[in-house]
mmCIF file of all heavy atoms, coordinates in Angstrom:
data_MODEL
# 
_entry.id   MODEL 
# 
loop_
_atom_site.group_PDB 
_atom_site.id 
_atom_site.type_symbol 
_atom_site.label_atom_id 
_atom_site.label_alt_id 
_atom_site.label_comp_id 
_atom_site.label_asym_id 
_atom_site.label_entity_id 
_atom_site.label_seq_id 
_atom_site.pdbx_PDB_ins_code 
_atom_site.Cartn_x 
_atom_site.Cartn_y 
_atom_site.Cartn_z 
_atom_site.occupancy 
_atom_site.B_iso_or_equiv 
_atom_site.pdbx_formal_charge 
_atom_site.auth_seq_id 
_atom_site.auth_comp_id 
_atom_site.auth_asym_id 
_atom_site.auth_atom_id 
_atom_site.pdbx_PDB_model_num 
ATOM 1   N N   . ALA A 1 1  ? 245.470 34.959 6.133   1.00 0.00 ? 1  ALA A N   1 
ATOM 2   C CA  . ALA A 1 1  ? 246.546 35.790 5.527   1.00 0.00 ? 1  ALA A CA  1 
ATOM 3   C C   . ALA A 1 1  ? 246.940 35.284 4.181   1.00 0.00 ? 1  ALA A C   1 
ATOM 4   O O   . ALA A 1 1  ? 247.152 34.073 4.015   1.00 0.00 ? 1  ALA A O   1 
ATOM 5   C CB  . ALA A 1 1  ? 247.692 35.816 6.513   1.00 0.00 ? 1  ALA A CB  1 
ATOM 6   N N   . LYS A 1 2  ? 247.077 36.160 3.274   1.00 0.00 ? 2  LYS A N   1 
ATOM 7   C CA  . LYS A 1 2  ? 247.546 35.800 1.971   1.00 0.00 ? 2  LYS A CA  1 
ATOM 8   C C   . LYS A 1 2  ? 249.033 35.727 2.025   1.00 0.00 ? 2  LYS A C   1 
ATOM 9   O O   . LYS A 1 2  ? 249.660 36.287 2.850   1.00 0.00 ? 2  LYS A O   1 
ATOM 10  C CB  . LYS A 1 2  ? 247.144 36.826 0.928   1.00 0.00 ? 2  LYS A CB  1 
ATOM 11  C CG  . LYS A 1 2  ? 245.695 36.897 0.604   1.00 0.00 ? 2  LYS A CG  1 
ATOM 12  C CD  . LYS A 1 2  ? 245.387 37.950 -0.457  1.00 0.00 ? 2  LYS A CD  1 
ATOM 13  C CE  . LYS A 1 2  ? 243.964 37.986 -0.856  1.00 0.00 ? 2  LYS A CE  1 
ATOM 14  N NZ  . LYS A 1 2  ? 243.739 38.994 -1.894  1.00 0.00 ? 2  LYS A NZ  1 
ATOM 15  N N   . GLY A 1 3  ? 249.638 35.055 1.051   1.00 0.00 ? 3  GLY A N   1 
ATOM 16  C CA  . GLY A 1 3  ? 251.069 35.027 0.947   1.00 0.00 ? 3  GLY A CA  1 
ATOM 17  C C   . GLY A 1 3  ? 251.599 36.396 0.477   1.00 0.00 ? 3  GLY A C   1 
ATOM 18  O O   . GLY A 1 3  ? 250.818 37.333 0.164   1.00 0.00 ? 3  GLY A O   1 
ATOM 19  N N   . PRO A 1 4  ? 252.867 36.506 0.439   1.00 0.00 ? 4  PRO A N   1 
ATOM 20  C CA  . PRO A 1 4  ? 253.474 37.797 -0.007  1.00 0.00 ? 4  PRO A CA  1 
ATOM 21  C C   . PRO A 1 4  ? 253.050 38.126 -1.406  1.00 0.00 ? 4  PRO A C   1 
ATOM 22  O O   . PRO A 1 4  ? 252.924 37.262 -2.293  1.00 0.00 ? 4  PRO A O   1 
ATOM 23  C CB  . PRO A 1 4  ? 254.953 37.540 0.077   1.00 0.00 ? 4  PRO A CB  1 
ATOM 24  C CG  . PRO A 1 4  ? 255.126 36.378 1.034   1.00 0.00 ? 4  PRO A CG  1 
ATOM 25  C CD  . PRO A 1 4  ? 253.893 35.553 0.873   1.00 0.00 ? 4  PRO A CD  1 
ATOM 26  N N   . SER A 1 5  ? 252.930 39.415 -1.724  1.00 0.00 ? 5  SER A N   1 
ATOM 27  C CA  . SER A 1 5  ? 252.492 39.871 -2.998  1.00 0.00 ? 5  SER A CA  1 
ATOM 28  C C   . SER A 1 5  ? 253.672 39.816 -3.979  1.00 0.00 ? 5  SER A C   1 
ATOM 29  O O   . SER A 1 5  ? 254.831 39.623 -3.652  1.00 0.00 ? 5  SER A O   1 
ATOM 30  C CB  . SER A 1 5  ? 252.012 41.304 -2.910  1.00 0.00 ? 5  SER A CB  1 
ATOM 31  O OG  . SER A 1 5  ? 253.066 42.141 -2.510  1.00 0.00 ? 5  SER A OG  1 
ATOM 32  N N   . LEU A 1 6  ? 253.298 40.046 -5.268  1.00 0.00 ? 6  LEU A N   1 
ATOM 33  C CA  . LEU A 1 6  ? 254.323 40.051 -6.286  1.00 0.00 ? 6  LEU A CA  1 
ATOM 34  C C   . LEU A 1 6  ? 255.309 41.224 -6.048  1.00 0.00 ? 6  LEU A C   1 
ATOM 35  O O   . LEU A 1 6  ? 256.508 40.997 -6.278  1.00 0.00 ? 6  LEU A O   1 
ATOM 36  C CB  . LEU A 1 6  ? 253.659 40.229 -7.673  1.00 0.00 ? 6  LEU A CB  1 
ATOM 37  C CG  . LEU A 1 6  ? 254.576 40.379 -8.847  1.00 0.00 ? 6  LEU A CG  1 
ATOM 38  C CD1 . LEU A 1 6  ? 255.399 39.146 -9.061  1.00 0.00 ? 6  LEU A CD1 1 
ATOM 39  C CD2 . LEU A 1 6  ? 253.780 40.704 -10.140 1.00 0.00 ? 6  LEU A CD2 1 
ATOM 40  N N   . GLU A 1 7  ? 254.826 42.340 -5.640  1.00 0.00 ? 7  GLU A N   1 
ATOM 41  C CA  . GLU A 1 7  ? 255.679 43.463 -5.286  1.00 0.00 ? 7  GLU A CA  1 
ATOM 42  C C   . GLU A 1 7  ? 256.721 43.068 -4.226  1.00 0.00 ? 7  GLU A C   1 
ATOM 43  O O   . GLU A 1 7  ? 257.891 43.458 -4.332  1.00 0.00 ? 7  GLU A O   1 
ATOM 44  C CB  . GLU A 1 7  ? 254.869 44.679 -4.807  1.00 0.00 ? 7  GLU A CB  1 
ATOM 45  C CG  . GLU A 1 7  ? 255.675 45.883 -4.582  1.00 0.00 ? 7  GLU A CG  1 
ATOM 46  C CD  . GLU A 1 7  ? 254.873 47.044 -4.048  1.00 0.00 ? 7  GLU A CD  1 
ATOM 47  O OE1 . GLU A 1 7  ? 253.668 46.838 -3.660  1.00 0.00 ? 7  GLU A OE1 1 
ATOM 48  O OE2 . GLU A 1 7  ? 255.359 48.217 -4.015  1.00 0.00 ? 7  GLU A OE2 1 
ATOM 49  N N   . TYR A 1 8  ? 256.262 42.371 -3.210  1.00 0.00 ? 8  TYR A N   1 
ATOM 50  C CA  . TYR A 1 8  ? 257.177 41.921 -2.153  1.00 0.00 ? 8  TYR A CA  1 
ATOM 51  C C   . TYR A 1 8  ? 258.276 41.043 -2.745  1.00 0.00 ? 8  TYR A C   1 
ATOM 52  O O   . TYR A 1 8  ? 259.449 41.225 -2.455  1.00 0.00 ? 8  TYR A O   1 
ATOM 53  C CB  . TYR A 1 8  ? 256.405 41.103 -1.090  1.00 0.00 ? 8  TYR A CB  1 
ATOM 54  C CG  . TYR A 1 8  ? 257.266 40.499 -0.011  1.00 0.00 ? 8  TYR A CG  1 
ATOM 55  C CD1 . TYR A 1 8  ? 257.524 41.233 1.119   1.00 0.00 ? 8  TYR A CD1 1 
ATOM 56  C CD2 . TYR A 1 8  ? 257.818 39.220 -0.101  1.00 0.00 ? 8  TYR A CD2 1 
ATOM 57  C CE1 . TYR A 1 8  ? 258.353 40.690 2.157   1.00 0.00 ? 8  TYR A CE1 1 
ATOM 58  C CE2 . TYR A 1 8  ? 258.640 38.695 0.849   1.00 0.00 ? 8  TYR A CE2 1 
ATOM 59  C CZ  . TYR A 1 8  ? 258.841 39.441 1.985   1.00 0.00 ? 8  TYR A CZ  1 
ATOM 60  O OH  . TYR A 1 8  ? 259.687 38.946 2.969   1.00 0.00 ? 8  TYR A OH  1 
ATOM 61  N N   . TRP A 1 9  ? 257.935 40.091 -3.614  1.00 0.00 ? 9  TRP A N   1 
ATOM 62  C CA  . TRP A 1 9  ? 258.937 39.215 -4.205  1.00 0.00 ? 9  TRP A CA  1 
ATOM 63  C C   . TRP A 1 9  ? 259.901 39.947 -5.166  1.00 0.00 ? 9  TRP A C   1 
ATOM 64  O O   . TRP A 1 9  ? 261.070 39.586 -5.267  1.00 0.00 ? 9  TRP A O   1 
ATOM 65  C CB  . TRP A 1 9  ? 258.265 38.048 -4.897  1.00 0.00 ? 9  TRP A CB  1 
ATOM 66  C CG  . TRP A 1 9  ? 257.711 37.029 -3.926  1.00 0.00 ? 9  TRP A CG  1 
ATOM 67  C CD1 . TRP A 1 9  ? 256.390 36.784 -3.741  1.00 0.00 ? 9  TRP A CD1 1 
ATOM 68  C CD2 . TRP A 1 9  ? 258.428 36.266 -3.001  1.00 0.00 ? 9  TRP A CD2 1 
ATOM 69  N NE1 . TRP A 1 9  ? 256.257 35.871 -2.692  1.00 0.00 ? 9  TRP A NE1 1 
ATOM 70  C CE2 . TRP A 1 9  ? 257.474 35.508 -2.237  1.00 0.00 ? 9  TRP A CE2 1 
ATOM 71  C CE3 . TRP A 1 9  ? 259.798 36.086 -2.681  1.00 0.00 ? 9  TRP A CE3 1 
ATOM 72  C CZ2 . TRP A 1 9  ? 257.885 34.647 -1.251  1.00 0.00 ? 9  TRP A CZ2 1 
ATOM 73  C CZ3 . TRP A 1 9  ? 260.156 35.207 -1.723  1.00 0.00 ? 9  TRP A CZ3 1 
ATOM 74  C CH2 . TRP A 1 9  ? 259.242 34.470 -0.991  1.00 0.00 ? 9  TRP A CH2 1 
ATOM 75  N N   . VAL A 1 10 ? 259.392 40.966 -5.804  1.00 0.00 ? 10 VAL A N   1 
ATOM 76  C CA  . VAL A 1 10 ? 260.313 41.771 -6.635  1.00 0.00 ? 10 VAL A CA  1 
ATOM 77  C C   . VAL A 1 10 ? 261.322 42.481 -5.813  1.00 0.00 ? 10 VAL A C   1 
ATOM 78  O O   . VAL A 1 10 ? 262.547 42.390 -6.077  1.00 0.00 ? 10 VAL A O   1 
ATOM 79  C CB  . VAL A 1 10 ? 259.475 42.799 -7.525  1.00 0.00 ? 10 VAL A CB  1 
ATOM 80  C CG1 . VAL A 1 10 ? 260.421 43.825 -8.144  1.00 0.00 ? 10 VAL A CG1 1 
ATOM 81  C CG2 . VAL A 1 10 ? 258.627 42.066 -8.559  1.00 0.00 ? 10 VAL A CG2 1 
ATOM 82  N N   . TYR A 1 11 ? 260.882 43.087 -4.754  1.00 0.00 ? 11 TYR A N   1 
ATOM 83  C CA  . TYR A 1 11 ? 261.855 43.745 -3.844  1.00 0.00 ? 11 TYR A CA  1 
ATOM 84  C C   . TYR A 1 11 ? 262.767 42.721 -3.201  1.00 0.00 ? 11 TYR A C   1 
ATOM 85  O O   . TYR A 1 11 ? 263.985 42.976 -3.075  1.00 0.00 ? 11 TYR A O   1 
ATOM 86  C CB  . TYR A 1 11 ? 261.090 44.543 -2.774  1.00 0.00 ? 11 TYR A CB  1 
ATOM 87  C CG  . TYR A 1 11 ? 260.684 45.893 -3.209  1.00 0.00 ? 11 TYR A CG  1 
ATOM 88  C CD1 . TYR A 1 11 ? 259.372 46.159 -3.555  1.00 0.00 ? 11 TYR A CD1 1 
ATOM 89  C CD2 . TYR A 1 11 ? 261.549 46.945 -3.213  1.00 0.00 ? 11 TYR A CD2 1 
ATOM 90  C CE1 . TYR A 1 11 ? 258.938 47.397 -3.951  1.00 0.00 ? 11 TYR A CE1 1 
ATOM 91  C CE2 . TYR A 1 11 ? 261.179 48.220 -3.585  1.00 0.00 ? 11 TYR A CE2 1 
ATOM 92  C CZ  . TYR A 1 11 ? 259.866 48.455 -3.981  1.00 0.00 ? 11 TYR A CZ  1 
ATOM 93  O OH  . TYR A 1 11 ? 259.485 49.682 -4.346  1.00 0.00 ? 11 TYR A OH  1 
ATOM 94  N N   . PHE A 1 12 ? 262.254 41.635 -2.787  1.00 0.00 ? 12 PHE A N   1 
ATOM 95  C CA  . PHE A 1 12 ? 263.097 40.560 -2.110  1.00 0.00 ? 12 PHE A CA  1 
ATOM 96  C C   . PHE A 1 12 ? 264.146 40.112 -3.082  1.00 0.00 ? 12 PHE A C   1 
ATOM 97  O O   . PHE A 1 12 ? 265.342 40.004 -2.711  1.00 0.00 ? 12 PHE A O   1 
ATOM 98  C CB  . PHE A 1 12 ? 262.176 39.393 -1.761  1.00 0.00 ? 12 PHE A CB  1 
ATOM 99  C CG  . PHE A 1 12 ? 262.925 38.281 -1.030  1.00 0.00 ? 12 PHE A CG  1 
ATOM 100 C CD1 . PHE A 1 12 ? 263.112 38.340 0.367   1.00 0.00 ? 12 PHE A CD1 1 
ATOM 101 C CD2 . PHE A 1 12 ? 263.477 37.219 -1.734  1.00 0.00 ? 12 PHE A CD2 1 
ATOM 102 C CE1 . PHE A 1 12 ? 263.770 37.343 1.009   1.00 0.00 ? 12 PHE A CE1 1 
ATOM 103 C CE2 . PHE A 1 12 ? 264.177 36.254 -1.077  1.00 0.00 ? 12 PHE A CE2 1 
ATOM 104 C CZ  . PHE A 1 12 ? 264.348 36.321 0.290   1.00 0.00 ? 12 PHE A CZ  1 
ATOM 105 N N   . THR A 1 13 ? 263.816 39.895 -4.361  1.00 0.00 ? 13 THR A N   1 
ATOM 106 C CA  . THR A 1 13 ? 264.750 39.408 -5.355  1.00 0.00 ? 13 THR A CA  1 
ATOM 107 C C   . THR A 1 13 ? 265.847 40.450 -5.584  1.00 0.00 ? 13 THR A C   1 
ATOM 108 O O   . THR A 1 13 ? 267.063 40.162 -5.663  1.00 0.00 ? 13 THR A O   1 
ATOM 109 C CB  . THR A 1 13 ? 264.061 39.079 -6.677  1.00 0.00 ? 13 THR A CB  1 
ATOM 110 O OG1 . THR A 1 13 ? 263.032 38.092 -6.411  1.00 0.00 ? 13 THR A OG1 1 
ATOM 111 C CG2 . THR A 1 13 ? 265.020 38.525 -7.721  1.00 0.00 ? 13 THR A CG2 1 
ATOM 112 N N   . LEU A 1 14 ? 265.444 41.705 -5.723  1.00 0.00 ? 14 LEU A N   1 
ATOM 113 C CA  . LEU A 1 14 ? 266.448 42.767 -5.931  1.00 0.00 ? 14 LEU A CA  1 
ATOM 114 C C   . LEU A 1 14 ? 267.438 42.869 -4.769  1.00 0.00 ? 14 LEU A C   1 
ATOM 115 O O   . LEU A 1 14 ? 268.657 42.994 -4.923  1.00 0.00 ? 14 LEU A O   1 
ATOM 116 C CB  . LEU A 1 14 ? 265.748 44.095 -6.198  1.00 0.00 ? 14 LEU A CB  1 
ATOM 117 C CG  . LEU A 1 14 ? 265.015 44.244 -7.498  1.00 0.00 ? 14 LEU A CG  1 
ATOM 118 C CD1 . LEU A 1 14 ? 264.194 45.528 -7.502  1.00 0.00 ? 14 LEU A CD1 1 
ATOM 119 C CD2 . LEU A 1 14 ? 265.963 44.142 -8.675  1.00 0.00 ? 14 LEU A CD2 1 
ATOM 120 N N   . ILE A 1 15 ? 266.865 42.848 -3.552  1.00 0.00 ? 15 ILE A N   1 
ATOM 121 C CA  . ILE A 1 15 ? 267.692 42.979 -2.321  1.00 0.00 ? 15 ILE A CA  1 
ATOM 122 C C   . ILE A 1 15 ? 268.599 41.725 -2.267  1.00 0.00 ? 15 ILE A C   1 
ATOM 123 O O   . ILE A 1 15 ? 269.789 41.853 -1.875  1.00 0.00 ? 15 ILE A O   1 
ATOM 124 C CB  . ILE A 1 15 ? 266.850 43.133 -1.107  1.00 0.00 ? 15 ILE A CB  1 
ATOM 125 C CG1 . ILE A 1 15 ? 266.179 44.477 -1.150  1.00 0.00 ? 15 ILE A CG1 1 
ATOM 126 C CG2 . ILE A 1 15 ? 267.671 43.000 0.205   1.00 0.00 ? 15 ILE A CG2 1 
ATOM 127 C CD1 . ILE A 1 15 ? 265.085 44.696 -0.127  1.00 0.00 ? 15 ILE A CD1 1 
ATOM 128 N N   . PHE A 1 16 ? 268.105 40.550 -2.574  1.00 0.00 ? 16 PHE A N   1 
ATOM 129 C CA  . PHE A 1 16 ? 268.875 39.311 -2.525  1.00 0.00 ? 16 PHE A CA  1 
ATOM 130 C C   . PHE A 1 16 ? 270.048 39.404 -3.504  1.00 0.00 ? 16 PHE A C   1 
ATOM 131 O O   . PHE A 1 16 ? 271.191 39.066 -3.144  1.00 0.00 ? 16 PHE A O   1 
ATOM 132 C CB  . PHE A 1 16 ? 267.975 38.122 -2.900  1.00 0.00 ? 16 PHE A CB  1 
ATOM 133 C CG  . PHE A 1 16 ? 268.750 36.771 -2.970  1.00 0.00 ? 16 PHE A CG  1 
ATOM 134 C CD1 . PHE A 1 16 ? 269.227 36.225 -1.828  1.00 0.00 ? 16 PHE A CD1 1 
ATOM 135 C CD2 . PHE A 1 16 ? 268.904 36.216 -4.183  1.00 0.00 ? 16 PHE A CD2 1 
ATOM 136 C CE1 . PHE A 1 16 ? 269.892 35.000 -1.889  1.00 0.00 ? 16 PHE A CE1 1 
ATOM 137 C CE2 . PHE A 1 16 ? 269.605 35.011 -4.273  1.00 0.00 ? 16 PHE A CE2 1 
ATOM 138 C CZ  . PHE A 1 16 ? 270.086 34.436 -3.116  1.00 0.00 ? 16 PHE A CZ  1 
ATOM 139 N N   . ILE A 1 17 ? 269.835 39.905 -4.699  1.00 0.00 ? 17 ILE A N   1 
ATOM 140 C CA  . ILE A 1 17 ? 270.881 40.017 -5.720  1.00 0.00 ? 17 ILE A CA  1 
ATOM 141 C C   . ILE A 1 17 ? 271.957 41.017 -5.283  1.00 0.00 ? 17 ILE A C   1 
ATOM 142 O O   . ILE A 1 17 ? 273.159 40.806 -5.440  1.00 0.00 ? 17 ILE A O   1 
ATOM 143 C CB  . ILE A 1 17 ? 270.268 40.386 -7.074  1.00 0.00 ? 17 ILE A CB  1 
ATOM 144 C CG1 . ILE A 1 17 ? 269.502 39.176 -7.616  1.00 0.00 ? 17 ILE A CG1 1 
ATOM 145 C CG2 . ILE A 1 17 ? 271.350 40.784 -8.052  1.00 0.00 ? 17 ILE A CG2 1 
ATOM 146 C CD1 . ILE A 1 17 ? 268.629 39.460 -8.855  1.00 0.00 ? 17 ILE A CD1 1 
ATOM 147 N N   . VAL A 1 18 ? 271.511 42.139 -4.689  1.00 0.00 ? 18 VAL A N   1 
ATOM 148 C CA  . VAL A 1 18 ? 272.440 43.150 -4.245  1.00 0.00 ? 18 VAL A CA  1 
ATOM 149 C C   . VAL A 1 18 ? 273.219 42.660 -3.066  1.00 0.00 ? 18 VAL A C   1 
ATOM 150 O O   . VAL A 1 18 ? 274.342 42.995 -2.874  1.00 0.00 ? 18 VAL A O   1 
ATOM 151 C CB  . VAL A 1 18 ? 271.676 44.466 -3.921  1.00 0.00 ? 18 VAL A CB  1 
ATOM 152 C CG1 . VAL A 1 18 ? 272.539 45.451 -3.156  1.00 0.00 ? 18 VAL A CG1 1 
ATOM 153 C CG2 . VAL A 1 18 ? 271.069 45.059 -5.163  1.00 0.00 ? 18 VAL A CG2 1 
ATOM 154 N N   . SER A 1 19 ? 272.655 41.788 -2.228  1.00 0.00 ? 19 SER A N   1 
ATOM 155 C CA  . SER A 1 19 ? 273.385 41.259 -1.041  1.00 0.00 ? 19 SER A CA  1 
ATOM 156 C C   . SER A 1 19 ? 274.336 40.183 -1.331  1.00 0.00 ? 19 SER A C   1 
ATOM 157 O O   . SER A 1 19 ? 275.092 39.816 -0.456  1.00 0.00 ? 19 SER A O   1 
ATOM 158 C CB  . SER A 1 19 ? 272.392 40.749 0.015   1.00 0.00 ? 19 SER A CB  1 
ATOM 159 O OG  . SER A 1 19 ? 271.138 41.236 -0.004  1.00 0.00 ? 19 SER A OG  1 
ATOM 160 N N   . LEU A 1 20 ? 274.274 39.580 -2.522  1.00 0.00 ? 20 LEU A N   1 
ATOM 161 C CA  . LEU A 1 20 ? 275.149 38.480 -2.827  1.00 0.00 ? 20 LEU A CA  1 
ATOM 162 C C   . LEU A 1 20 ? 276.640 38.796 -2.737  1.00 0.00 ? 20 LEU A C   1 
ATOM 163 O O   . LEU A 1 20 ? 277.427 38.061 -2.139  1.00 0.00 ? 20 LEU A O   1 
ATOM 164 C CB  . LEU A 1 20 ? 274.853 37.897 -4.235  1.00 0.00 ? 20 LEU A CB  1 
ATOM 165 C CG  . LEU A 1 20 ? 273.679 36.922 -4.291  1.00 0.00 ? 20 LEU A CG  1 
ATOM 166 C CD1 . LEU A 1 20 ? 273.373 36.604 -5.711  1.00 0.00 ? 20 LEU A CD1 1 
ATOM 167 C CD2 . LEU A 1 20 ? 273.917 35.701 -3.459  1.00 0.00 ? 20 LEU A CD2 1 
ATOM 168 N N   . PRO A 1 21 ? 277.077 39.973 -3.244  1.00 0.00 ? 21 PRO A N   1 
ATOM 169 C CA  . PRO A 1 21 ? 278.528 40.269 -3.067  1.00 0.00 ? 21 PRO A CA  1 
ATOM 170 C C   . PRO A 1 21 ? 278.936 40.409 -1.596  1.00 0.00 ? 21 PRO A C   1 
ATOM 171 O O   . PRO A 1 21 ? 280.032 39.948 -1.218  1.00 0.00 ? 21 PRO A O   1 
ATOM 172 C CB  . PRO A 1 21 ? 278.698 41.600 -3.811  1.00 0.00 ? 21 PRO A CB  1 
ATOM 173 C CG  . PRO A 1 21 ? 277.615 41.636 -4.774  1.00 0.00 ? 21 PRO A CG  1 
ATOM 174 C CD  . PRO A 1 21 ? 276.459 40.894 -4.151  1.00 0.00 ? 21 PRO A CD  1 
ATOM 175 N N   . ALA A 1 22 ? 278.100 41.055 -0.799  1.00 0.00 ? 22 ALA A N   1 
ATOM 176 C CA  . ALA A 1 22 ? 278.420 41.154 0.634   1.00 0.00 ? 22 ALA A CA  1 
ATOM 177 C C   . ALA A 1 22 ? 278.414 39.746 1.270   1.00 0.00 ? 22 ALA A C   1 
ATOM 178 O O   . ALA A 1 22 ? 279.281 39.477 2.177   1.00 0.00 ? 22 ALA A O   1 
ATOM 179 C CB  . ALA A 1 22 ? 277.474 42.073 1.340   1.00 0.00 ? 22 ALA A CB  1 
ATOM 180 N N   . GLY A 1 23 ? 277.503 38.915 0.866   1.00 0.00 ? 23 GLY A N   1 
ATOM 181 C CA  . GLY A 1 23 ? 277.467 37.558 1.375   1.00 0.00 ? 23 GLY A CA  1 
ATOM 182 C C   . GLY A 1 23 ? 278.726 36.785 1.042   1.00 0.00 ? 23 GLY A C   1 
ATOM 183 O O   . GLY A 1 23 ? 279.235 35.969 1.791   1.00 0.00 ? 23 GLY A O   1 
ATOM 184 N N   . LEU A 1 24 ? 279.265 37.008 -0.182  1.00 0.00 ? 24 LEU A N   1 
ATOM 185 C CA  . LEU A 1 24 ? 280.511 36.330 -0.632  1.00 0.00 ? 24 LEU A CA  1 
ATOM 186 C C   . LEU A 1 24 ? 281.671 36.840 0.274   1.00 0.00 ? 24 LEU A C   1 
ATOM 187 O O   . LEU A 1 24 ? 282.436 35.986 0.703   1.00 0.00 ? 24 LEU A O   1 
ATOM 188 C CB  . LEU A 1 24 ? 280.784 36.643 -2.098  1.00 0.00 ? 24 LEU A CB  1 
ATOM 189 C CG  . LEU A 1 24 ? 282.105 36.207 -2.638  1.00 0.00 ? 24 LEU A CG  1 
ATOM 190 C CD1 . LEU A 1 24 ? 282.131 34.628 -2.620  1.00 0.00 ? 24 LEU A CD1 1 
ATOM 191 C CD2 . LEU A 1 24 ? 282.322 36.669 -4.042  1.00 0.00 ? 24 LEU A CD2 1 
ATOM 192 N N   . VAL A 1 25 ? 281.755 38.099 0.511   1.00 0.00 ? 25 VAL A N   1 
ATOM 193 C CA  . VAL A 1 25 ? 282.844 38.628 1.325   1.00 0.00 ? 25 VAL A CA  1 
ATOM 194 C C   . VAL A 1 25 ? 282.761 38.083 2.705   1.00 0.00 ? 25 VAL A C   1 
ATOM 195 O O   . VAL A 1 25 ? 283.744 37.630 3.288   1.00 0.00 ? 25 VAL A O   1 
ATOM 196 C CB  . VAL A 1 25 ? 282.800 40.189 1.329   1.00 0.00 ? 25 VAL A CB  1 
ATOM 197 C CG1 . VAL A 1 25 ? 283.760 40.752 2.378   1.00 0.00 ? 25 VAL A CG1 1 
ATOM 198 C CG2 . VAL A 1 25 ? 283.152 40.724 -0.079  1.00 0.00 ? 25 VAL A CG2 1 
ATOM 199 N N   . ASN A 1 26 ? 281.594 38.059 3.293   1.00 0.00 ? 26 ASN A N   1 
ATOM 200 C CA  . ASN A 1 26 ? 281.397 37.568 4.664   1.00 0.00 ? 26 ASN A CA  1 
ATOM 201 C C   . ASN A 1 26 ? 281.688 36.087 4.693   1.00 0.00 ? 26 ASN A C   1 
ATOM 202 O O   . ASN A 1 26 ? 282.257 35.578 5.727   1.00 0.00 ? 26 ASN A O   1 
ATOM 203 C CB  . ASN A 1 26 ? 279.946 37.822 5.190   1.00 0.00 ? 26 ASN A CB  1 
ATOM 204 C CG  . ASN A 1 26 ? 279.758 39.261 5.539   1.00 0.00 ? 26 ASN A CG  1 
ATOM 205 O OD1 . ASN A 1 26 ? 280.703 39.921 5.908   1.00 0.00 ? 26 ASN A OD1 1 
ATOM 206 N ND2 . ASN A 1 26 ? 278.516 39.704 5.395   1.00 0.00 ? 26 ASN A ND2 1 
ATOM 207 N N   . TRP A 1 27 ? 281.315 35.333 3.642   1.00 0.00 ? 27 TRP A N   1 
ATOM 208 C CA  . TRP A 1 27 ? 281.610 33.916 3.610   1.00 0.00 ? 27 TRP A CA  1 
ATOM 209 C C   . TRP A 1 27 ? 283.106 33.614 3.563   1.00 0.00 ? 27 TRP A C   1 
ATOM 210 O O   . TRP A 1 27 ? 283.588 32.786 4.227   1.00 0.00 ? 27 TRP A O   1 
ATOM 211 C CB  . TRP A 1 27 ? 280.927 33.256 2.411   1.00 0.00 ? 27 TRP A CB  1 
ATOM 212 C CG  . TRP A 1 27 ? 281.170 31.841 2.175   1.00 0.00 ? 27 TRP A CG  1 
ATOM 213 C CD1 . TRP A 1 27 ? 280.762 30.827 3.020   1.00 0.00 ? 27 TRP A CD1 1 
ATOM 214 C CD2 . TRP A 1 27 ? 282.010 31.291 1.209   1.00 0.00 ? 27 TRP A CD2 1 
ATOM 215 N NE1 . TRP A 1 27 ? 281.259 29.629 2.521   1.00 0.00 ? 27 TRP A NE1 1 
ATOM 216 C CE2 . TRP A 1 27 ? 282.033 29.875 1.367   1.00 0.00 ? 27 TRP A CE2 1 
ATOM 217 C CE3 . TRP A 1 27 ? 282.691 31.820 0.115   1.00 0.00 ? 27 TRP A CE3 1 
ATOM 218 C CZ2 . TRP A 1 27 ? 282.683 29.033 0.517   1.00 0.00 ? 27 TRP A CZ2 1 
ATOM 219 C CZ3 . TRP A 1 27 ? 283.366 30.936 -0.749  1.00 0.00 ? 27 TRP A CZ3 1 
ATOM 220 C CH2 . TRP A 1 27 ? 283.365 29.589 -0.507  1.00 0.00 ? 27 TRP A CH2 1 
ATOM 221 N N   . LEU A 1 28 ? 283.838 34.438 2.772   1.00 0.00 ? 28 LEU A N   1 
ATOM 222 C CA  . LEU A 1 28 ? 285.278 34.312 2.640   1.00 0.00 ? 28 LEU A CA  1 
ATOM 223 C C   . LEU A 1 28 ? 285.961 34.622 3.975   1.00 0.00 ? 28 LEU A C   1 
ATOM 224 O O   . LEU A 1 28 ? 286.884 33.934 4.418   1.00 0.00 ? 28 LEU A O   1 
ATOM 225 C CB  . LEU A 1 28 ? 285.870 35.146 1.536   1.00 0.00 ? 28 LEU A CB  1 
ATOM 226 C CG  . LEU A 1 28 ? 285.504 34.712 0.142   1.00 0.00 ? 28 LEU A CG  1 
ATOM 227 C CD1 . LEU A 1 28 ? 285.912 35.811 -0.880  1.00 0.00 ? 28 LEU A CD1 1 
ATOM 228 C CD2 . LEU A 1 28 ? 286.130 33.382 -0.156  1.00 0.00 ? 28 LEU A CD2 1 
ATOM 229 N N   . ILE A 1 29 ? 285.476 35.643 4.673   1.00 0.00 ? 29 ILE A N   1 
ATOM 230 C CA  . ILE A 1 29 ? 286.011 35.979 5.955   1.00 0.00 ? 29 ILE A CA  1 
ATOM 231 C C   . ILE A 1 29 ? 285.708 34.895 6.955   1.00 0.00 ? 29 ILE A C   1 
ATOM 232 O O   . ILE A 1 29 ? 286.504 34.527 7.815   1.00 0.00 ? 29 ILE A O   1 
ATOM 233 C CB  . ILE A 1 29 ? 285.510 37.365 6.450   1.00 0.00 ? 29 ILE A CB  1 
ATOM 234 C CG1 . ILE A 1 29 ? 286.054 38.465 5.567   1.00 0.00 ? 29 ILE A CG1 1 
ATOM 235 C CG2 . ILE A 1 29 ? 285.801 37.618 7.950   1.00 0.00 ? 29 ILE A CG2 1 
ATOM 236 C CD1 . ILE A 1 29 ? 285.415 39.862 5.749   1.00 0.00 ? 29 ILE A CD1 1 
# 
């Protein structure tokens, strides 16, 4: 099995950046 593709990492990075604010709120709670 090959590692994740570049497209996978692009989507992962975008989702990670979008999830940071929700992660901050959950962390504060």
